[in-house]
Amino acid sequence: MRTYDYVIVGAGSAGCVLAARLTEDPDVSVLLLEAGGWDWNPLIHIPLGVGKLVRSSLHSWGYWTEPEPNLDGRSLYWPRGKVVGGSSSINSMIYIRGHPRDYDTWAQLGNRGWGWDDVLPYFRRSEGHVDRPGDDLHGGDGPLKVQRGRGDNPLYDVFFAAGRQAGYRPNDDFNGPDQEGVGRYDFTIHNGRRASAASCYLRPALKRPNLTVETGALTERVVLEGGRATGVEYRRQGSLHRAAAGREVLLAGGALNSPQVLMLSGIGDPEELRAHGIPVVHALPGWAATCRTIWTSRCSTPARSR
């Protein structure tokens, strides 16, 4: 068993940023675990390749929802990246930060520190917008490269004109004061290539000796001792490994896989955990709906050897 200061589970959008930021301190050691492989596929880096990636199981977990009663019983494909860079390596590259009111609502509901005025400085710090550098809402020097939608296809102008005729106002910045209207999106594309979290954050950090990245490493549980997370167990190349965390275990597996790891570790709704033969380590009864969502996502088998 090896020991690191931080063990990060998931080399997706959050995991790449965490690994890059934490290893800026040369006295800190970091292990980054990714269940998928490296982002070597050329289709990842060519923006047009998204058409092949988003519906492919090559770099995705292949999740489907259960039949949705409000969608005539249809199941929806739920793409989640299984590759270094995570979903930022397979998504459509549209850069949308969300409406300020969403953040303010979260803060009002008790999630202090997540109001729009709280998060905007971090958005600006991370953003390297080549077309709107350094104004009140955008950053120009950040590592995440962003550009306004390019292209001179005449159908774009026809579409915008049709939108205005339908009563929609022009909007030159969907990450501006509001998000209503018609206009060109911002994209995480730079110099004709996808600007993923892996290329913008992780790749520059790989030369640091205090960062270790392991791919093909499926985390099976968080190791808990005395109510504290002290490490993780993960399976790689058919063998079970354990890594200890001297400071913290950071789950960055996304909206589905992070809760799943917690539940496989015995953290969650007791009834749901017992139904799957998982000993309860820490009861969180409020997670009942979340547990059912994770367990029933098709292809998301709650088995420790998945």
C-alpha atoms as a PDB file:
ATOM      1  CA  MET A   1       0.000   0.000   0.000  1.00  0.00           C
ATOM      2  CA  ARG A   2       1.357   3.367  -1.047  1.00  0.00           C
ATOM      3  CA  THR A   3       0.609   6.620   0.760  1.00  0.00           C
ATOM      4  CA  TYR A   4      -0.132  10.005  -0.817  1.00  0.00           C
ATOM      5  CA  ASP A   5      -1.290  13.268   0.658  1.00  0.00           C
ATOM      6  CA  TYR A   6      -4.354  13.283  -1.611  1.00  0.00           C
ATOM      7  CA  VAL A   7      -6.096  10.515  -3.529  1.00  0.00           C
ATOM      8  CA  ILE A   8      -8.429  11.775  -6.262  1.00  0.00           C
ATOM      9  CA  VAL A   9     -11.001   9.376  -7.698  1.00  0.00           C
ATOM     10  CA  GLY A  10     -11.855  10.286 -11.283  1.00  0.00           C
ATOM     11  CA  ALA A  11      -9.754  12.171 -13.849  1.00  0.00           C
ATOM     12  CA  GLY A  12     -12.696  14.067 -15.299  1.00  0.00           C
ATOM     13  CA  SER A  13     -13.436  17.777 -15.345  1.00  0.00           C
ATOM     14  CA  ALA A  14     -13.076  18.188 -11.570  1.00  0.00           C
ATOM     15  CA  GLY A  15     -10.335  15.618 -11.044  1.00  0.00           C
ATOM     16  CA  CYS A  16      -8.016  17.172 -13.621  1.00  0.00           C
ATOM     17  CA  VAL A  17      -8.400  20.597 -12.039  1.00  0.00           C
ATOM     18  CA  LEU A  18      -7.835  19.243  -8.525  1.00  0.00           C
ATOM     19  CA  ALA A  19      -4.714  17.353  -9.578  1.00  0.00           C
ATOM     20  CA  ALA A  20      -3.267  20.382 -11.332  1.00  0.00           C
ATOM     21  CA  ARG A  21      -3.987  22.827  -8.533  1.00  0.00           C
ATOM     22  CA  LEU A  22      -2.876  20.606  -5.643  1.00  0.00           C
ATOM     23  CA  THR A  23       0.435  19.630  -7.253  1.00  0.00           C
ATOM     24  CA  GLU A  24       1.403  23.273  -7.616  1.00  0.00           C
ATOM     25  CA  ASP A  25       2.733  22.719  -4.096  1.00  0.00           C
ATOM     26  CA  PRO A  26       5.873  20.588  -4.597  1.00  0.00           C
ATOM     27  CA  ASP A  27       5.588  19.246  -1.039  1.00  0.00           C
ATOM     28  CA  VAL A  28       2.204  17.640  -1.746  1.00  0.00           C
ATOM     29  CA  SER A  29       1.861  14.188  -3.321  1.00  0.00           C
ATOM     30  CA  VAL A  30      -1.241  13.298  -5.354  1.00  0.00           C
ATOM     31  CA  LEU A  31      -2.589  10.060  -6.812  1.00  0.00           C
ATOM     32  CA  LEU A  32      -5.171  10.483  -9.575  1.00  0.00           C
ATOM     33  CA  LEU A  33      -7.233   7.375 -10.427  1.00  0.00           C
ATOM     34  CA  GLU A  34      -9.178   7.004 -13.679  1.00  0.00           C
ATOM     35  CA  ALA A  35     -11.298   3.988 -14.640  1.00  0.00           C
ATOM     36  CA  GLY A  36     -10.937   4.752 -18.355  1.00  0.00           C
ATOM     37  CA  GLY A  37      -7.843   5.158 -20.483  1.00  0.00           C
ATOM     38  CA  TRP A  38      -5.759   8.053 -21.759  1.00  0.00           C
ATOM     39  CA  ASP A  39      -7.281  10.551 -24.182  1.00  0.00           C
ATOM     40  CA  TRP A  40      -5.145   9.446 -27.124  1.00  0.00           C
ATOM     41  CA  ASN A  41      -8.015   8.917 -29.558  1.00  0.00           C
ATOM     42  CA  PRO A  42      -7.726  11.601 -32.290  1.00  0.00           C
ATOM     43  CA  LEU A  43     -11.527  11.898 -32.362  1.00  0.00           C
ATOM     44  CA  ILE A  44     -11.381  13.416 -28.876  1.00  0.00           C
ATOM     45  CA  HIS A  45      -9.234  16.326 -29.988  1.00  0.00           C
ATOM     46  CA  ILE A  46     -10.898  17.025 -33.337  1.00  0.00           C
ATOM     47  CA  PRO A  47     -14.088  18.963 -32.527  1.00  0.00           C
ATOM     48  CA  LEU A  48     -15.996  17.291 -35.371  1.00  0.00           C
ATOM     49  CA  GLY A  49     -15.253  13.934 -33.726  1.00  0.00           C
ATOM     50  CA  VAL A  50     -17.948  14.557 -31.135  1.00  0.00           C
ATOM     51  CA  GLY A  51     -20.467  13.039 -33.523  1.00  0.00           C
ATOM     52  CA  LYS A  52     -18.682   9.709 -33.191  1.00  0.00           C
ATOM     53  CA  LEU A  53     -17.881   9.990 -29.479  1.00  0.00           C
ATOM     54  CA  VAL A  54     -21.065  11.052 -27.729  1.00  0.00           C
ATOM     55  CA  ARG A  55     -23.077   7.972 -28.754  1.00  0.00           C
ATOM     56  CA  SER A  56     -20.167   5.541 -28.599  1.00  0.00           C
ATOM     57  CA  SER A  57     -19.301   3.283 -25.675  1.00  0.00           C
ATOM     58  CA  LEU A  58     -15.607   3.612 -26.533  1.00  0.00           C
ATOM     59  CA  HIS A  59     -14.993   6.377 -23.987  1.00  0.00           C
ATOM     60  CA  SER A  60     -18.355   6.490 -22.183  1.00  0.00           C
ATOM     61  CA  TRP A  61     -19.894   4.494 -19.348  1.00  0.00           C
ATOM     62  CA  GLY A  62     -22.894   3.810 -21.573  1.00  0.00           C
ATOM     63  CA  TYR A  63     -25.537   4.733 -19.028  1.00  0.00           C
ATOM     64  CA  TRP A  64     -29.243   4.821 -19.841  1.00  0.00           C
ATOM     65  CA  THR A  65     -31.986   6.096 -17.596  1.00  0.00           C
ATOM     66  CA  GLU A  66     -34.886   3.964 -16.530  1.00  0.00           C
ATOM     67  CA  PRO A  67     -38.077   4.594 -18.572  1.00  0.00           C
ATOM     68  CA  GLU A  68     -39.260   8.149 -17.949  1.00  0.00           C
ATOM     69  CA  PRO A  69     -43.023   8.320 -17.243  1.00  0.00           C
ATOM     70  CA  ASN A  70     -43.232  11.935 -18.444  1.00  0.00           C
ATOM     71  CA  LEU A  71     -41.511  11.063 -21.737  1.00  0.00           C
ATOM     72  CA  ASP A  72     -43.942   8.358 -22.843  1.00  0.00           C
ATOM     73  CA  GLY A  73     -41.874   5.710 -21.095  1.00  0.00           C
ATOM     74  CA  ARG A  74     -38.723   6.335 -23.091  1.00  0.00           C
ATOM     75  CA  SER A  75     -35.239   5.620 -21.773  1.00  0.00           C
ATOM     76  CA  LEU A  76     -32.657   8.334 -22.420  1.00  0.00           C
ATOM     77  CA  TYR A  77     -29.005   7.865 -23.192  1.00  0.00           C
ATOM     78  CA  TRP A  78     -26.899   9.444 -20.435  1.00  0.00           C
ATOM     79  CA  PRO A  79     -23.347   9.985 -21.751  1.00  0.00           C
ATOM     80  CA  ARG A  80     -20.675  10.112 -19.029  1.00  0.00           C
ATOM     81  CA  GLY A  81     -17.006  10.167 -19.956  1.00  0.00           C
ATOM     82  CA  LYS A  82     -14.859   7.131 -19.119  1.00  0.00           C
ATOM     83  CA  VAL A  83     -11.506   8.533 -20.193  1.00  0.00           C
ATOM     84  CA  VAL A  84      -8.932  11.023 -18.959  1.00  0.00           C
ATOM     85  CA  GLY A  85     -10.745  14.354 -19.155  1.00  0.00           C
ATOM     86  CA  GLY A  86     -14.065  12.681 -18.358  1.00  0.00           C
ATOM     87  CA  SER A  87     -17.117  14.174 -19.999  1.00  0.00           C
ATOM     88  CA  SER A  88     -15.072  17.200 -21.082  1.00  0.00           C
ATOM     89  CA  SER A  89     -13.355  14.806 -23.526  1.00  0.00           C
ATOM     90  CA  ILE A  90     -16.586  13.629 -25.186  1.00  0.00           C
ATOM     91  CA  ASN A  91     -19.099  16.478 -24.814  1.00  0.00           C
ATOM     92  CA  SER A  92     -20.232  18.977 -27.444  1.00  0.00           C
ATOM     93  CA  MET A  93     -17.838  21.636 -26.087  1.00  0.00           C
ATOM     94  CA  ILE A  94     -20.565  24.279 -25.522  1.00  0.00           C
ATOM     95  CA  TYR A  95     -19.418  26.522 -22.677  1.00  0.00           C
ATOM     96  CA  ILE A  96     -22.407  27.452 -20.483  1.00  0.00           C
ATOM     97  CA  ARG A  97     -21.881  28.441 -16.858  1.00  0.00           C
ATOM     98  CA  GLY A  98     -25.548  28.569 -15.864  1.00  0.00           C
ATOM     99  CA  HIS A  99     -27.898  31.361 -14.873  1.00  0.00           C
ATOM    100  CA  PRO A 100     -26.818  33.562 -11.945  1.00  0.00           C
ATOM    101  CA  ARG A 101     -30.201  33.010 -10.328  1.00  0.00           C
ATOM    102  CA  ASP A 102     -29.450  29.288 -10.014  1.00  0.00           C
ATOM    103  CA  TYR A 103     -26.388  29.970  -7.884  1.00  0.00           C
ATOM    104  CA  ASP A 104     -28.154  32.566  -5.760  1.00  0.00           C
ATOM    105  CA  THR A 105     -31.005  30.126  -5.137  1.00  0.00           C
ATOM    106  CA  TRP A 106     -28.566  27.460  -3.926  1.00  0.00           C
ATOM    107  CA  ALA A 107     -27.026  29.990  -1.534  1.00  0.00           C
ATOM    108  CA  GLN A 108     -30.458  31.031  -0.264  1.00  0.00           C
ATOM    109  CA  LEU A 109     -31.331  27.388   0.386  1.00  0.00           C
ATOM    110  CA  GLY A 110     -28.309  27.094   2.668  1.00  0.00           C
ATOM    111  CA  ASN A 111     -25.378  26.278   0.367  1.00  0.00           C
ATOM    112  CA  ARG A 112     -23.341  29.227   1.539  1.00  0.00           C
ATOM    113  CA  GLY A 113     -20.470  30.325  -0.656  1.00  0.00           C
ATOM    114  CA  TRP A 114     -22.222  29.295  -3.877  1.00  0.00           C
ATOM    115  CA  GLY A 115     -24.006  32.550  -4.716  1.00  0.00           C
ATOM    116  CA  TRP A 116     -23.267  34.102  -8.094  1.00  0.00           C
ATOM    117  CA  ASP A 117     -21.010  36.789  -6.646  1.00  0.00           C
ATOM    118  CA  ASP A 118     -19.094  34.055  -4.828  1.00  0.00           C
ATOM    119  CA  VAL A 119     -18.420  31.842  -7.847  1.00  0.00           C
ATOM    120  CA  LEU A 120     -17.938  34.488 -10.561  1.00  0.00           C
ATOM    121  CA  PRO A 121     -14.316  35.293  -9.569  1.00  0.00           C
ATOM    122  CA  TYR A 122     -13.449  31.606  -9.964  1.00  0.00           C
ATOM    123  CA  PHE A 123     -15.118  31.404 -13.359  1.00  0.00           C
ATOM    124  CA  ARG A 124     -13.118  34.431 -14.461  1.00  0.00           C
ATOM    125  CA  ARG A 125      -9.913  32.993 -13.023  1.00  0.00           C
ATOM    126  CA  SER A 126     -10.338  29.681 -14.861  1.00  0.00           C
ATOM    127  CA  GLU A 127     -11.430  31.159 -18.191  1.00  0.00           C
ATOM    128  CA  GLY A 128      -9.075  32.032 -21.004  1.00  0.00           C
ATOM    129  CA  HIS A 129     -11.561  33.570 -23.423  1.00  0.00           C
ATOM    130  CA  VAL A 130      -9.862  34.587 -26.645  1.00  0.00           C
ATOM    131  CA  ASP A 131     -12.743  36.798 -27.841  1.00  0.00           C
ATOM    132  CA  ARG A 132     -13.916  38.440 -24.597  1.00  0.00           C
ATOM    133  CA  PRO A 133     -10.732  38.743 -22.548  1.00  0.00           C
ATOM    134  CA  GLY A 134     -10.776  40.422 -19.207  1.00  0.00           C
ATOM    135  CA  ASP A 135     -14.192  42.079 -18.958  1.00  0.00           C
ATOM    136  CA  ASP A 136     -16.417  42.030 -15.869  1.00  0.00           C
ATOM    137  CA  LEU A 137     -17.825  38.565 -16.631  1.00  0.00           C
ATOM    138  CA  HIS A 138     -14.988  36.798 -18.443  1.00  0.00           C
ATOM    139  CA  GLY A 139     -11.345  36.005 -17.914  1.00  0.00           C
ATOM    140  CA  GLY A 140      -8.638  36.098 -20.551  1.00  0.00           C
ATOM    141  CA  ASP A 141      -5.681  34.487 -18.808  1.00  0.00           C
ATOM    142  CA  GLY A 142      -7.143  31.285 -17.359  1.00  0.00           C
ATOM    143  CA  PRO A 143      -6.117  27.775 -18.407  1.00  0.00           C
ATOM    144  CA  LEU A 144      -9.552  26.780 -19.806  1.00  0.00           C
ATOM    145  CA  LYS A 145      -9.552  28.075 -23.369  1.00  0.00           C
ATOM    146  CA  VAL A 146     -12.881  29.412 -24.635  1.00  0.00           C
ATOM    147  CA  GLN A 147     -13.852  31.033 -27.924  1.00  0.00           C
ATOM    148  CA  ARG A 148     -16.967  32.396 -29.546  1.00  0.00           C
ATOM    149  CA  GLY A 149     -18.600  30.137 -32.136  1.00  0.00           C
ATOM    150  CA  ARG A 150     -16.813  30.359 -35.483  1.00  0.00           C
ATOM    151  CA  GLY A 151     -18.005  29.576 -38.984  1.00  0.00           C
ATOM    152  CA  ASP A 152     -19.449  31.570 -41.889  1.00  0.00           C
ATOM    153  CA  ASN A 153     -22.183  29.191 -43.012  1.00  0.00           C
ATOM    154  CA  PRO A 154     -24.963  31.431 -44.386  1.00  0.00           C
ATOM    155  CA  LEU A 155     -27.554  29.223 -42.655  1.00  0.00           C
ATOM    156  CA  TYR A 156     -26.356  30.649 -39.320  1.00  0.00           C
ATOM    157  CA  ASP A 157     -27.520  34.135 -40.268  1.00  0.00           C
ATOM    158  CA  VAL A 158     -30.779  32.751 -41.641  1.00  0.00           C
ATOM    159  CA  PHE A 159     -31.399  30.940 -38.355  1.00  0.00           C
ATOM    160  CA  PHE A 160     -30.690  34.089 -36.319  1.00  0.00           C
ATOM    161  CA  ALA A 161     -32.995  36.147 -38.554  1.00  0.00           C
ATOM    162  CA  ALA A 162     -35.754  33.564 -38.136  1.00  0.00           C
ATOM    163  CA  GLY A 163     -35.350  33.745 -34.380  1.00  0.00           C
ATOM    164  CA  ARG A 164     -35.703  37.521 -34.395  1.00  0.00           C
ATOM    165  CA  GLN A 165     -38.782  37.246 -36.615  1.00  0.00           C
ATOM    166  CA  ALA A 166     -40.252  34.835 -34.059  1.00  0.00           C
ATOM    167  CA  GLY A 167     -39.828  37.461 -31.358  1.00  0.00           C
ATOM    168  CA  TYR A 168     -36.544  36.378 -29.765  1.00  0.00           C
ATOM    169  CA  ARG A 169     -33.987  39.078 -29.086  1.00  0.00           C
ATOM    170  CA  PRO A 170     -30.345  38.758 -30.187  1.00  0.00           C
ATOM    171  CA  ASN A 171     -27.930  37.583 -27.521  1.00  0.00           C
ATOM    172  CA  ASP A 172     -24.227  37.989 -28.132  1.00  0.00           C
ATOM    173  CA  ASP A 173     -23.168  36.273 -24.889  1.00  0.00           C
ATOM    174  CA  PHE A 174     -25.028  33.346 -23.318  1.00  0.00           C
ATOM    175  CA  ASN A 175     -22.661  33.650 -20.356  1.00  0.00           C
ATOM    176  CA  GLY A 176     -23.582  37.309 -19.987  1.00  0.00           C
ATOM    177  CA  PRO A 177     -26.278  39.019 -17.903  1.00  0.00           C
ATOM    178  CA  ASP A 178     -29.013  36.654 -19.170  1.00  0.00           C
ATOM    179  CA  GLN A 179     -29.359  33.552 -21.328  1.00  0.00           C
ATOM    180  CA  GLU A 180     -32.437  34.318 -23.406  1.00  0.00           C
ATOM    181  CA  GLY A 181     -32.309  35.025 -27.126  1.00  0.00           C
ATOM    182  CA  VAL A 182     -30.573  33.712 -30.223  1.00  0.00           C
ATOM    183  CA  GLY A 183     -26.897  33.919 -31.041  1.00  0.00           C
ATOM    184  CA  ARG A 184     -23.614  32.026 -31.173  1.00  0.00           C
ATOM    185  CA  TYR A 185     -22.491  29.850 -28.291  1.00  0.00           C
ATOM    186  CA  ASP A 186     -19.113  29.955 -26.626  1.00  0.00           C
ATOM    187  CA  PHE A 187     -17.092  26.765 -27.041  1.00  0.00           C
ATOM    188  CA  THR A 188     -14.176  25.139 -25.240  1.00  0.00           C
ATOM    189  CA  ILE A 189     -12.179  24.987 -28.473  1.00  0.00           C
ATOM    190  CA  HIS A 190      -8.758  26.494 -29.087  1.00  0.00           C
ATOM    191  CA  ASN A 191      -6.701  26.541 -32.292  1.00  0.00           C
ATOM    192  CA  GLY A 192      -9.066  24.046 -33.866  1.00  0.00           C
ATOM    193  CA  ARG A 193      -8.772  21.487 -31.039  1.00  0.00           C
ATOM    194  CA  ARG A 194     -10.970  20.493 -28.107  1.00  0.00           C
ATOM    195  CA  ALA A 195      -9.978  22.316 -24.930  1.00  0.00           C
ATOM    196  CA  SER A 196     -10.770  19.585 -22.409  1.00  0.00           C
ATOM    197  CA  ALA A 197      -9.939  19.603 -18.714  1.00  0.00           C
ATOM    198  CA  ALA A 198      -7.224  17.074 -19.518  1.00  0.00           C
ATOM    199  CA  SER A 199      -5.513  19.231 -22.129  1.00  0.00           C
ATOM    200  CA  CYS A 200      -5.935  22.529 -20.272  1.00  0.00           C
ATOM    201  CA  TYR A 201      -5.208  21.432 -16.689  1.00  0.00           C
ATOM    202  CA  LEU A 202      -3.806  17.925 -16.382  1.00  0.00           C
ATOM    203  CA  ARG A 203      -1.433  17.790 -19.356  1.00  0.00           C
ATOM    204  CA  PRO A 204       0.745  20.723 -18.141  1.00  0.00           C
ATOM    205  CA  ALA A 205       0.943  19.121 -14.674  1.00  0.00           C
ATOM    206  CA  LEU A 206       2.106  15.684 -15.818  1.00  0.00           C
ATOM    207  CA  LYS A 207       5.764  16.685 -15.692  1.00  0.00           C
ATOM    208  CA  ARG A 208       5.543  17.266 -11.934  1.00  0.00           C
ATOM    209  CA  PRO A 209       7.167  14.457  -9.925  1.00  0.00           C
ATOM    210  CA  ASN A 210       4.572  14.771  -7.152  1.00  0.00           C
ATOM    211  CA  LEU A 211       1.694  13.665  -9.435  1.00  0.00           C
ATOM    212  CA  THR A 212       0.924  10.012 -10.158  1.00  0.00           C
ATOM    213  CA  VAL A 213      -1.819   9.085 -12.626  1.00  0.00           C
ATOM    214  CA  GLU A 214      -3.155   5.553 -12.958  1.00  0.00           C
ATOM    215  CA  THR A 215      -5.607   4.694 -15.744  1.00  0.00           C
ATOM    216  CA  GLY A 216      -7.743   1.577 -15.981  1.00  0.00           C
ATOM    217  CA  ALA A 217      -8.173   1.897 -12.207  1.00  0.00           C
ATOM    218  CA  LEU A 218     -11.735   1.288 -11.018  1.00  0.00           C
ATOM    219  CA  THR A 219     -12.281   2.485  -7.456  1.00  0.00           C
ATOM    220  CA  GLU A 220     -14.373  -0.015  -5.510  1.00  0.00           C
ATOM    221  CA  ARG A 221     -14.648   1.639  -2.123  1.00  0.00           C
ATOM    222  CA  VAL A 222     -13.379   4.331   0.194  1.00  0.00           C
ATOM    223  CA  VAL A 223     -11.486   2.915   3.178  1.00  0.00           C
ATOM    224  CA  LEU A 224     -12.948   4.267   6.416  1.00  0.00           C
ATOM    225  CA  GLU A 225     -11.228   4.070   9.785  1.00  0.00           C
ATOM    226  CA  GLY A 226     -12.829   5.572  12.858  1.00  0.00           C
ATOM    227  CA  GLY A 227     -15.311   7.479  10.734  1.00  0.00           C
ATOM    228  CA  ARG A 228     -12.563   9.048   8.617  1.00  0.00           C
ATOM    229  CA  ALA A 229     -11.671   8.349   4.989  1.00  0.00           C
ATOM    230  CA  THR A 230      -8.083   7.098   5.022  1.00  0.00           C
ATOM    231  CA  GLY A 231      -7.715   5.711   1.511  1.00  0.00           C
ATOM    232  CA  VAL A 232      -9.334   3.783  -1.335  1.00  0.00           C
ATOM    233  CA  GLU A 233      -9.390   0.299  -2.770  1.00  0.00           C
ATOM    234  CA  TYR A 234      -9.311   0.013  -6.552  1.00  0.00           C
ATOM    235  CA  ARG A 235      -9.010  -2.721  -9.141  1.00  0.00           C
ATOM    236  CA  ARG A 236      -6.428  -2.475 -11.896  1.00  0.00           C
ATOM    237  CA  GLN A 237      -5.334  -5.139 -14.377  1.00  0.00           C
ATOM    238  CA  GLY A 238      -7.292  -7.751 -12.449  1.00  0.00           C
ATOM    239  CA  SER A 239      -5.650  -7.046  -9.086  1.00  0.00           C
ATOM    240  CA  LEU A 240      -6.963  -5.240  -6.035  1.00  0.00           C
ATOM    241  CA  HIS A 241      -4.844  -2.321  -4.826  1.00  0.00           C
ATOM    242  CA  ARG A 242      -5.064   0.014  -1.863  1.00  0.00           C
ATOM    243  CA  ALA A 243      -3.788   3.584  -1.635  1.00  0.00           C
ATOM    244  CA  ALA A 244      -3.668   5.545   1.609  1.00  0.00           C
ATOM    245  CA  ALA A 245      -4.455   9.251   1.845  1.00  0.00           C
ATOM    246  CA  GLY A 246      -2.557  11.166   4.508  1.00  0.00           C
ATOM    247  CA  ARG A 247      -4.798  14.199   4.113  1.00  0.00           C
ATOM    248  CA  GLU A 248      -7.923  13.645   2.032  1.00  0.00           C
ATOM    249  CA  VAL A 249      -9.773  11.362  -0.348  1.00  0.00           C
ATOM    250  CA  LEU A 250     -11.436  13.474  -3.042  1.00  0.00           C
ATOM    251  CA  LEU A 251     -14.298  11.899  -5.008  1.00  0.00           C
ATOM    252  CA  ALA A 252     -14.507  13.466  -8.465  1.00  0.00           C
ATOM    253  CA  GLY A 253     -16.371  10.731 -10.304  1.00  0.00           C
ATOM    254  CA  GLY A 254     -19.340  12.840 -11.337  1.00  0.00           C
ATOM    255  CA  ALA A 255     -23.032  12.891 -10.514  1.00  0.00           C
ATOM    256  CA  LEU A 256     -23.425   9.104 -10.822  1.00  0.00           C
ATOM    257  CA  ASN A 257     -20.120   7.484  -9.979  1.00  0.00           C
ATOM    258  CA  SER A 258     -19.211   9.509  -6.881  1.00  0.00           C
ATOM    259  CA  PRO A 259     -22.478   8.601  -5.084  1.00  0.00           C
ATOM    260  CA  GLN A 260     -22.023   5.022  -6.260  1.00  0.00           C
ATOM    261  CA  VAL A 261     -18.557   4.798  -4.690  1.00  0.00           C
ATOM    262  CA  LEU A 262     -19.953   6.191  -1.442  1.00  0.00           C
ATOM    263  CA  MET A 263     -22.723   3.615  -1.441  1.00  0.00           C
ATOM    264  CA  LEU A 264     -20.328   0.775  -2.249  1.00  0.00           C
ATOM    265  CA  SER A 265     -18.354   2.017   0.764  1.00  0.00           C
ATOM    266  CA  GLY A 266     -21.402   1.616   3.009  1.00  0.00           C
ATOM    267  CA  ILE A 267     -22.455   5.263   3.037  1.00  0.00           C
ATOM    268  CA  GLY A 268     -26.082   5.865   2.101  1.00  0.00           C
ATOM    269  CA  ASP A 269     -29.637   4.838   2.793  1.00  0.00           C
ATOM    270  CA  PRO A 270     -29.543   1.734   5.056  1.00  0.00           C
ATOM    271  CA  GLU A 271     -32.456  -0.051   3.402  1.00  0.00           C
ATOM    272  CA  GLU A 272     -31.030   0.377  -0.074  1.00  0.00           C
ATOM    273  CA  LEU A 273     -27.548  -0.723   1.001  1.00  0.00           C
ATOM    274  CA  ARG A 274     -28.795  -3.831   2.819  1.00  0.00           C
ATOM    275  CA  ALA A 275     -30.888  -4.765  -0.206  1.00  0.00           C
ATOM    276  CA  HIS A 276     -27.643  -5.059  -2.164  1.00  0.00           C
ATOM    277  CA  GLY A 277     -25.718  -6.845   0.565  1.00  0.00           C
ATOM    278  CA  ILE A 278     -23.549  -3.862   1.501  1.00  0.00           C
ATOM    279  CA  PRO A 279     -22.798  -3.396   5.225  1.00  0.00           C
ATOM    280  CA  VAL A 280     -23.904   0.014   6.520  1.00  0.00           C
ATOM    281  CA  VAL A 281     -20.937   2.072   7.687  1.00  0.00           C
ATOM    282  CA  HIS A 282     -22.633   5.470   7.823  1.00  0.00           C
ATOM    283  CA  ALA A 283     -26.398   5.826   7.512  1.00  0.00           C
ATOM    284  CA  LEU A 284     -27.744   8.667   5.358  1.00  0.00           C
ATOM    285  CA  PRO A 285     -31.516   8.020   5.164  1.00  0.00           C
ATOM    286  CA  GLY A 286     -32.091  11.134   3.047  1.00  0.00           C
ATOM    287  CA  TRP A 287     -30.233   9.463   0.210  1.00  0.00           C
ATOM    288  CA  ALA A 288     -33.067   7.025  -0.538  1.00  0.00           C
ATOM    289  CA  ALA A 289     -34.054   8.634  -3.842  1.00  0.00           C
ATOM    290  CA  THR A 290     -30.423   9.080  -4.884  1.00  0.00           C
ATOM    291  CA  CYS A 291     -29.639   5.443  -4.133  1.00  0.00           C
ATOM    292  CA  ARG A 292     -32.536   4.230  -6.230  1.00  0.00           C
ATOM    293  CA  THR A 293     -31.481   6.479  -9.117  1.00  0.00           C
ATOM    294  CA  ILE A 294     -27.922   5.146  -9.078  1.00  0.00           C
ATOM    295  CA  TRP A 295     -28.855   1.503  -8.692  1.00  0.00           C
ATOM    296  CA  THR A 296     -31.411   1.597 -11.484  1.00  0.00           C
ATOM    297  CA  SER A 297     -29.380   3.476 -14.097  1.00  0.00           C
ATOM    298  CA  ARG A 298     -29.057   0.881 -16.813  1.00  0.00           C
ATOM    299  CA  CYS A 299     -25.509  -0.462 -17.243  1.00  0.00           C
ATOM    300  CA  SER A 300     -24.686   0.980 -13.790  1.00  0.00           C
ATOM    301  CA  THR A 301     -24.453  -2.394 -12.076  1.00  0.00           C
ATOM    302  CA  PRO A 302     -23.907  -1.974  -8.309  1.00  0.00           C
ATOM    303  CA  ALA A 303     -21.421  -4.823  -8.082  1.00  0.00           C
ATOM    304  CA  ARG A 304     -18.023  -4.390  -6.506  1.00  0.00           C
ATOM    305  CA  SER A 305     -16.329  -6.083  -9.454  1.00  0.00           C
ATOM    306  CA  ARG A 306     -17.987  -3.886 -12.113  1.00  0.00           C
END
